[in-house]
Amino acid sequence: MLLTLLFASANQCFSQLQPDQFKPLSDSVYQTVQEYQSGNKYQKDAILFMDMVADTHPYYIKAERRAEWFTKKQALLEKCRNIETDEAFADALIDVLGPLHDKHTDLTTMKRMQESKQKVNKKDETADVPGPIDREHIMRRHDSNYDYQIFPDYNICYLQFNQCVNAKDYPFAKFLDDMFAKMDENGVRTLVVDAQYNNGGSSQLCDELLMHLYPLDKMKFFTTYLRFSDLMAAYNPRIAVAKKNWEDDGHKNELYQMPAPKIPADFQQPKLFEGQVVFVMGKRTFSSAGMLFTLARDNHIGTIIGTTSTFSPSHYGEVLPYRLPNTGVLGSISCKFFARPDAATVDDKCMEPDVKVNLDDKDASWQYIVVNYGNK
């Protein structure tokens, strides 16, 4: 019987990873391979990259997909013959990934990572406004991971949820308890969850919000499938044993379906908000925030307004960071597939809002919400 494994992998976005989190790929099996030894450093790392992707990404669990993937190898090696910079090499690998570029499977260089960190505090001038939410700046991006404002004239609580990351001195669970208590005190009947700027983080925060909106014991969750791989085993030696047992049992070309989450025996269901919920989805909504919207849709929680999603409701995720040993180029690759609860739409590539709203016009967007969901 295959043991249930708790694999501690990064749930962060690629840009949030630190250099020391990237594990070097081993090239020990290639030390006697002529193709590897005769190549330049870019060709060597290209060979390792091709094999690692085929062995790691859930999409390539099927043999016919791996065979198609390796048809790209020769052209990539020829291209690497004339590459002179790590930046050009990273771009070549991104190009060969093609449609697989799933926001969690990505590549960068130390130079690009340093440049990205220098820009991390720069905000979109038309969208970012520091300080608390107010009537003038409603729906424009604020600096905090999450904050809220109650508008008693409209019976609306507006929650701007920008990052699925706990604030240092104010955990999201405590923040939600306080917010819903204040909503109850003021008789608020509409909650607006604006996640148009939320590019993810920990999905646990999304679950904490949903628990206030829908009974946990009735919630339909994602089904999670894991791909055992050598790269994963490098992070957790127990994975190597589990991988061998799984394949010895005849599951070489199958993903492992992880056990469904169980509700703890001491779990206490929070008081449910019984008013209407409006979710705001934008072009920068993805990763864990995309999971929030997918669970809301598939569990029939609230109304989604905004733009067509840039995320796939069923998607790949949970990243394994790695470093290519000859060039030092950094990468991340998904090791899990998350299938949405609604089996009939599991292959959909995007999600449409219930109501399309032009979020570029912040004032008009807010006015639309007030007119259609507020109670004057």
Protein backbone atom coordinates (compact mmCIF):
# COMPACT_ATOMS: atom_id res chain seq x y z
CA MET A 1 0.00 0.00 0.00
CA LEU A 2 1.39 3.38 -0.96
CA LEU A 3 2.04 5.60 2.03
CA THR A 4 0.38 8.99 2.12
CA LEU A 5 3.20 11.51 1.76
CA LEU A 6 3.22 15.05 3.02
CA PHE A 7 5.52 16.76 0.56
CA ALA A 8 6.60 20.22 1.64
CA SER A 9 7.01 22.08 -1.63
CA ALA A 10 6.91 25.74 -2.51
CA ASN A 11 3.47 27.23 -3.03
CA GLN A 12 4.97 30.59 -3.81
CA CYS A 13 4.87 32.31 -7.12
CA PHE A 14 8.10 31.91 -9.10
CA SER A 15 9.03 35.53 -8.39
CA GLN A 16 8.81 34.91 -4.62
CA LEU A 17 11.42 32.13 -4.59
CA GLN A 18 14.89 32.81 -3.16
CA PRO A 19 18.11 31.67 -4.91
CA ASP A 20 18.94 29.13 -2.17
CA GLN A 21 15.62 27.34 -2.76
CA PHE A 22 16.71 26.07 -6.19
CA LYS A 23 18.15 22.55 -6.03
CA PRO A 24 20.86 21.79 -8.65
CA LEU A 25 19.93 19.09 -11.15
CA SER A 26 22.25 16.10 -11.00
CA ASP A 27 24.16 15.23 -14.16
CA SER A 28 25.86 12.11 -12.75
CA VAL A 29 24.16 9.72 -15.18
CA TYR A 30 25.53 11.72 -18.12
CA GLN A 31 29.22 11.65 -17.21
CA THR A 32 29.89 8.82 -19.68
CA VAL A 33 27.44 9.93 -22.39
CA GLN A 34 29.22 11.23 -25.49
CA GLU A 35 26.37 13.59 -26.51
CA TYR A 36 26.60 15.29 -23.13
CA GLN A 37 30.39 15.43 -22.86
CA SER A 38 30.88 16.88 -26.34
CA GLY A 39 28.35 19.69 -25.94
CA ASN A 40 28.93 23.25 -24.77
CA LYS A 41 27.47 24.33 -21.41
CA TYR A 42 24.15 25.35 -22.98
CA GLN A 43 23.77 22.07 -24.84
CA LYS A 44 24.57 20.13 -21.67
CA ASP A 45 21.93 21.95 -19.66
CA ALA A 46 19.45 21.66 -22.54
CA ILE A 47 19.82 17.86 -22.40
CA LEU A 48 19.23 17.86 -18.64
CA PHE A 49 16.28 20.22 -19.04
CA MET A 50 14.56 18.07 -21.67
CA ASP A 51 14.90 14.93 -19.54
CA MET A 52 13.81 16.69 -16.33
CA VAL A 53 10.64 18.11 -17.90
CA ALA A 54 9.71 14.72 -19.37
CA ASP A 55 10.22 13.06 -15.98
CA THR A 56 8.59 15.73 -13.80
CA HIS A 57 5.69 17.65 -15.32
CA PRO A 58 2.27 15.95 -14.91
CA TYR A 59 1.38 16.69 -18.55
CA TYR A 60 4.15 14.36 -19.69
CA ILE A 61 2.97 11.36 -17.68
CA LYS A 62 1.71 9.87 -20.97
CA ALA A 63 4.32 8.13 -23.16
CA GLU A 64 3.00 9.63 -26.41
CA ARG A 65 3.36 13.15 -24.99
CA ARG A 66 6.93 12.46 -23.92
CA ALA A 67 7.73 11.16 -27.40
CA GLU A 68 6.34 14.36 -28.93
CA TRP A 69 8.34 16.44 -26.43
CA PHE A 70 11.61 14.81 -27.41
CA THR A 71 11.05 15.63 -31.08
CA LYS A 72 12.01 19.19 -30.08
CA LYS A 73 15.38 18.14 -28.66
CA GLN A 74 17.59 18.19 -31.75
CA ALA A 75 16.46 21.64 -32.87
CA LEU A 76 17.06 22.98 -29.34
CA LEU A 77 20.59 21.53 -29.25
CA GLU A 78 21.37 23.10 -32.63
CA LYS A 79 20.10 26.45 -31.40
CA CYS A 80 22.24 26.16 -28.25
CA ARG A 81 25.33 25.68 -30.39
CA ASN A 82 25.33 29.43 -31.14
CA ILE A 83 23.90 30.82 -27.89
CA GLU A 84 26.29 33.12 -26.01
CA THR A 85 24.37 34.41 -22.96
CA ASP A 86 22.35 32.87 -20.13
CA GLU A 87 19.48 35.23 -20.95
CA ALA A 88 19.29 33.93 -24.54
CA PHE A 89 19.48 30.36 -23.24
CA ALA A 90 16.62 30.91 -20.77
CA ASP A 91 14.53 32.36 -23.61
CA ALA A 92 15.28 29.32 -25.77
CA LEU A 93 14.04 26.98 -23.04
CA ILE A 94 10.91 29.09 -22.50
CA ASP A 95 10.24 28.92 -26.25
CA VAL A 96 10.51 25.14 -26.33
CA LEU A 97 8.06 24.87 -23.43
CA GLY A 98 5.47 26.54 -25.63
CA PRO A 99 1.89 25.96 -24.43
CA LEU A 100 3.20 24.22 -21.30
CA HIS A 101 4.28 27.61 -19.95
CA ASP A 102 1.72 27.45 -17.13
CA LYS A 103 2.84 30.38 -14.93
CA HIS A 104 4.31 27.88 -12.45
CA THR A 105 6.65 26.29 -14.99
CA ASP A 106 9.11 29.03 -15.84
CA LEU A 107 12.80 29.98 -16.12
CA THR A 108 14.94 32.93 -15.19
CA THR A 109 18.54 33.97 -14.58
CA MET A 110 20.26 35.53 -11.58
CA LYS A 111 20.47 38.81 -13.51
CA ARG A 112 16.74 38.82 -14.20
CA MET A 113 15.95 37.83 -10.62
CA GLN A 114 17.99 40.74 -9.27
CA GLU A 115 16.33 43.16 -11.69
CA SER A 116 12.92 41.87 -10.66
CA LYS A 117 13.65 42.42 -6.98
CA GLN A 118 14.71 46.00 -7.72
CA LYS A 119 11.30 46.60 -9.24
CA VAL A 120 9.25 44.72 -6.66
CA ASN A 121 8.11 47.86 -4.84
CA LYS A 122 7.15 49.72 -7.99
CA LYS A 123 3.40 49.84 -8.52
CA ASP A 124 1.19 50.63 -11.48
CA GLU A 125 0.73 54.39 -11.13
CA THR A 126 -2.84 54.23 -12.36
CA ALA A 127 -3.82 51.41 -10.01
CA ASP A 128 -1.85 51.67 -6.78
CA VAL A 129 -2.88 53.96 -3.97
CA PRO A 130 -1.31 53.65 -0.50
CA GLY A 131 -3.33 53.73 2.66
CA PRO A 132 -6.80 52.50 3.57
CA ILE A 133 -9.65 52.07 1.12
CA ASP A 134 -11.82 55.13 0.75
CA ARG A 135 -14.60 56.33 -1.50
CA GLU A 136 -12.25 58.18 -3.84
CA HIS A 137 -9.89 55.27 -4.41
CA ILE A 138 -12.27 52.33 -4.33
CA MET A 139 -11.20 49.44 -6.59
CA ARG A 140 -7.74 50.90 -7.19
CA ARG A 141 -4.94 48.72 -5.86
CA HIS A 142 -3.82 49.31 -2.26
CA ASP A 143 -0.54 48.44 -0.59
CA SER A 144 -1.83 45.92 1.94
CA ASN A 145 -2.32 42.20 1.32
CA TYR A 146 -5.93 42.64 2.36
CA ASP A 147 -8.13 45.36 3.82
CA TYR A 148 -11.81 46.23 3.92
CA GLN A 149 -14.20 49.14 4.17
CA ILE A 150 -17.88 49.12 5.06
CA PHE A 151 -20.15 51.47 3.13
CA PRO A 152 -23.32 51.66 5.26
CA ASP A 153 -25.15 53.82 2.70
CA TYR A 154 -25.04 50.87 0.29
CA ASN A 155 -25.02 48.00 2.80
CA ILE A 156 -21.74 46.85 1.21
CA CYS A 157 -18.51 45.58 2.70
CA TYR A 158 -15.71 45.94 0.17
CA LEU A 159 -12.79 43.53 0.70
CA GLN A 160 -9.70 44.08 -1.43
CA PHE A 161 -7.78 40.78 -1.39
CA ASN A 162 -4.42 41.44 -3.07
CA GLN A 163 -2.18 38.58 -1.89
CA CYS A 164 -2.86 35.12 -0.46
CA VAL A 165 -0.19 35.81 2.13
CA ASN A 166 -0.68 36.48 5.85
CA ALA A 167 0.18 40.00 6.93
CA LYS A 168 3.00 39.96 9.48
CA ASP A 169 0.98 41.22 12.45
CA TYR A 170 -2.56 40.44 11.31
CA PRO A 171 -3.22 36.85 10.10
CA PHE A 172 -5.98 36.51 7.54
CA ALA A 173 -8.07 34.22 9.78
CA LYS A 174 -8.15 36.89 12.51
CA PHE A 175 -8.77 39.61 9.92
CA LEU A 176 -11.80 37.67 8.60
CA ASP A 177 -13.23 37.11 12.08
CA ASP A 178 -13.01 40.83 12.73
CA MET A 179 -14.42 41.78 9.34
CA PHE A 180 -17.44 39.48 9.50
CA ALA A 181 -18.15 40.57 13.09
CA LYS A 182 -18.15 44.19 11.94
CA MET A 183 -20.39 43.30 8.99
CA ASP A 184 -22.83 41.58 11.34
CA GLU A 185 -22.78 44.56 13.67
CA ASN A 186 -23.64 46.90 10.78
CA GLY A 187 -26.21 44.62 9.16
CA VAL A 188 -24.22 44.42 5.90
CA ARG A 189 -25.98 42.33 3.25
CA THR A 190 -23.43 42.41 0.40
CA LEU A 191 -19.78 41.36 0.48
CA VAL A 192 -17.60 42.38 -2.46
CA VAL A 193 -14.39 40.32 -2.76
CA ASP A 194 -12.10 42.21 -5.13
CA ALA A 195 -9.23 39.90 -6.15
CA GLN A 196 -8.47 41.52 -9.51
CA TYR A 197 -4.85 42.17 -8.41
CA ASN A 198 -4.30 38.85 -6.62
CA ASN A 199 -1.67 36.63 -8.26
CA GLY A 200 -1.73 33.96 -5.56
CA GLY A 201 0.23 32.68 -2.60
CA SER A 202 -1.16 30.15 -0.13
CA SER A 203 -4.54 28.62 -1.02
CA GLN A 204 -5.15 28.14 2.71
CA LEU A 205 -6.18 31.79 2.95
CA CYS A 206 -8.78 31.26 0.21
CA ASP A 207 -10.18 28.27 2.11
CA GLU A 208 -10.45 30.42 5.25
CA LEU A 209 -12.58 32.91 3.34
CA LEU A 210 -14.78 30.26 1.75
CA MET A 211 -15.48 28.68 5.16
CA HIS A 212 -17.31 31.89 6.11
CA LEU A 213 -19.46 31.66 2.99
CA TYR A 214 -20.32 27.95 2.63
CA PRO A 215 -20.47 24.91 4.96
CA LEU A 216 -17.13 23.12 4.88
CA ASP A 217 -18.69 19.66 5.08
CA LYS A 218 -20.62 20.36 1.87
CA MET A 219 -17.78 22.00 -0.03
CA LYS A 220 -16.57 20.32 -3.23
CA PHE A 221 -12.79 20.65 -3.58
CA PHE A 222 -10.19 20.12 -6.27
CA THR A 223 -8.96 16.61 -6.90
CA THR A 224 -5.17 16.62 -6.69
CA TYR A 225 -2.92 14.36 -8.77
CA LEU A 226 0.81 14.02 -8.05
CA ARG A 227 3.60 13.11 -10.47
CA PHE A 228 6.41 11.20 -8.79
CA SER A 229 9.78 12.24 -10.21
CA ASP A 230 13.52 12.17 -9.59
CA LEU A 231 13.51 15.92 -8.97
CA MET A 232 10.85 15.53 -6.28
CA ALA A 233 12.85 12.70 -4.72
CA ALA A 234 15.83 15.05 -4.48
CA TYR A 235 13.74 17.18 -2.11
CA ASN A 236 12.23 14.26 -0.19
CA PRO A 237 13.99 10.87 -0.15
CA ARG A 238 10.76 9.09 0.77
CA ILE A 239 9.42 10.03 -2.64
CA ALA A 240 12.00 7.77 -4.31
CA VAL A 241 10.62 4.77 -2.38
CA ALA A 242 7.03 5.72 -3.13
CA LYS A 243 7.86 6.25 -6.82
CA LYS A 244 9.38 2.76 -7.08
CA ASN A 245 6.42 1.14 -5.27
CA TRP A 246 3.93 2.98 -7.48
CA GLU A 247 5.68 1.97 -10.70
CA ASP A 248 6.27 -1.61 -9.49
CA ASP A 249 2.52 -1.86 -9.01
CA GLY A 250 2.08 -1.11 -12.73
CA HIS A 251 1.39 2.63 -12.56
CA LYS A 252 4.40 3.90 -14.54
CA ASN A 253 2.32 6.16 -16.79
CA GLU A 254 -0.25 7.25 -14.21
CA LEU A 255 -0.54 10.13 -11.81
CA TYR A 256 -1.09 9.38 -8.14
CA GLN A 257 -4.44 10.66 -6.85
CA MET A 258 -3.80 12.22 -3.49
CA PRO A 259 -6.22 11.56 -0.62
CA ALA A 260 -9.06 14.03 -0.28
CA PRO A 261 -8.66 16.48 2.59
CA LYS A 262 -10.38 15.46 5.82
CA ILE A 263 -12.17 17.83 8.14
CA PRO A 264 -10.45 17.81 11.55
CA ALA A 265 -12.55 16.31 14.34
CA ASP A 266 -12.29 19.52 16.36
CA PHE A 267 -13.24 21.81 13.46
CA GLN A 268 -15.85 24.42 14.31
CA GLN A 269 -17.76 25.84 11.37
CA PRO A 270 -17.63 29.66 11.44
CA LYS A 271 -20.91 31.51 11.35
CA LEU A 272 -21.97 31.71 7.71
CA PHE A 273 -22.54 35.01 5.98
CA GLU A 274 -26.06 34.81 4.57
CA GLY A 275 -26.02 37.84 2.31
CA GLN A 276 -24.95 38.08 -1.34
CA VAL A 277 -21.32 37.76 -2.40
CA VAL A 278 -19.78 39.44 -5.44
CA PHE A 279 -16.33 38.32 -6.63
CA VAL A 280 -14.29 40.66 -8.87
CA MET A 281 -11.98 38.80 -11.28
CA GLY A 282 -9.33 40.57 -13.37
CA LYS A 283 -6.45 39.87 -15.73
CA ARG A 284 -4.01 39.60 -12.82
CA THR A 285 -6.10 37.05 -10.92
CA PHE A 286 -4.45 33.63 -11.01
CA SER A 287 -2.76 30.82 -9.03
CA SER A 288 -4.37 30.42 -5.57
CA ALA A 289 -6.72 33.32 -6.30
CA GLY A 290 -7.83 31.45 -9.43
CA MET A 291 -8.57 28.45 -7.22
CA LEU A 292 -10.73 30.68 -5.03
CA PHE A 293 -12.85 31.73 -8.02
CA THR A 294 -13.06 28.16 -9.34
CA LEU A 295 -14.30 26.83 -6.00
CA ALA A 296 -16.78 29.69 -5.76
CA ARG A 297 -18.11 28.89 -9.25
CA ASP A 298 -18.28 25.11 -8.81
CA ASN A 299 -19.90 25.38 -5.37
CA HIS A 300 -22.35 28.05 -6.58
CA ILE A 301 -21.11 30.68 -4.15
CA GLY A 302 -21.91 34.23 -5.18
CA THR A 303 -21.59 36.05 -8.50
CA ILE A 304 -18.37 36.60 -10.45
CA ILE A 305 -17.97 39.87 -12.34
CA GLY A 306 -15.07 41.30 -14.32
CA THR A 307 -12.98 39.88 -17.16
CA THR A 308 -12.37 36.48 -18.71
CA SER A 309 -9.83 34.63 -16.58
CA THR A 310 -6.16 34.37 -17.50
CA PHE A 311 -6.00 31.11 -15.49
CA SER A 312 -7.27 27.64 -16.32
CA PRO A 313 -9.79 26.41 -13.72
CA SER A 314 -8.11 22.98 -13.76
CA HIS A 315 -4.40 23.62 -13.70
CA TYR A 316 -0.88 22.54 -12.89
CA GLY A 317 0.86 23.80 -9.79
CA GLU A 318 2.96 23.28 -6.65
CA VAL A 319 6.38 24.19 -7.91
CA LEU A 320 9.72 22.41 -7.64
CA PRO A 321 12.58 24.93 -8.02
CA TYR A 322 15.77 23.73 -9.73
CA ARG A 323 19.10 25.06 -10.95
CA LEU A 324 20.75 23.92 -14.18
CA PRO A 325 24.30 22.98 -13.10
CA ASN A 326 26.36 24.19 -16.06
CA THR A 327 24.81 27.61 -16.64
CA GLY A 328 23.18 28.41 -13.31
CA VAL A 329 19.87 29.21 -15.05
CA LEU A 330 17.01 28.89 -12.55
CA GLY A 331 13.68 27.20 -13.18
CA SER A 332 10.50 26.02 -11.55
CA ILE A 333 8.23 23.21 -12.69
CA SER A 334 4.82 22.01 -11.60
CA CYS A 335 4.52 18.58 -10.00
CA LYS A 336 0.75 18.42 -9.44
CA PHE A 337 -2.44 18.63 -11.47
CA PHE A 338 -5.50 20.15 -9.80
CA ALA A 339 -8.79 19.03 -11.37
CA ARG A 340 -11.71 21.36 -10.66
CA PRO A 341 -14.77 19.92 -8.85
CA ASP A 342 -17.10 20.22 -11.87
CA ALA A 343 -16.10 17.19 -13.94
CA ALA A 344 -18.16 18.37 -16.92
CA THR A 345 -15.93 21.45 -17.35
CA VAL A 346 -12.61 19.99 -16.18
CA ASP A 347 -10.94 20.68 -19.56
CA ASP A 348 -12.02 24.33 -19.85
CA LYS A 349 -9.05 26.60 -20.51
CA CYS A 350 -10.57 29.70 -18.95
CA MET A 351 -13.49 30.91 -16.86
CA GLU A 352 -16.01 33.48 -17.98
CA PRO A 353 -17.48 35.87 -15.40
CA ASP A 354 -21.22 35.85 -14.79
CA VAL A 355 -21.19 39.51 -15.80
CA LYS A 356 -18.46 41.17 -17.87
CA VAL A 357 -17.36 44.50 -16.44
CA ASN A 358 -14.66 46.83 -17.77
CA LEU A 359 -12.31 46.98 -14.79
CA ASP A 360 -10.10 49.57 -16.48
CA ASP A 361 -12.67 52.19 -15.48
CA LYS A 362 -12.54 51.88 -11.68
CA ASP A 363 -15.19 54.47 -10.96
CA ALA A 364 -17.68 52.96 -13.40
CA SER A 365 -16.97 49.48 -12.03
CA TRP A 366 -17.70 50.60 -8.50
CA GLN A 367 -20.84 52.41 -9.63
CA TYR A 368 -22.01 49.21 -11.35
CA ILE A 369 -21.59 47.29 -8.08
CA VAL A 370 -23.40 49.94 -6.06
CA VAL A 371 -26.35 50.11 -8.45
CA ASN A 372 -26.76 46.36 -8.92
CA TYR A 373 -25.76 44.92 -5.55
CA GLY A 374 -26.02 47.74 -3.01
CA ASN A 375 -29.06 48.67 -0.96
CA LYS A 376 -29.40 52.41 -0.57
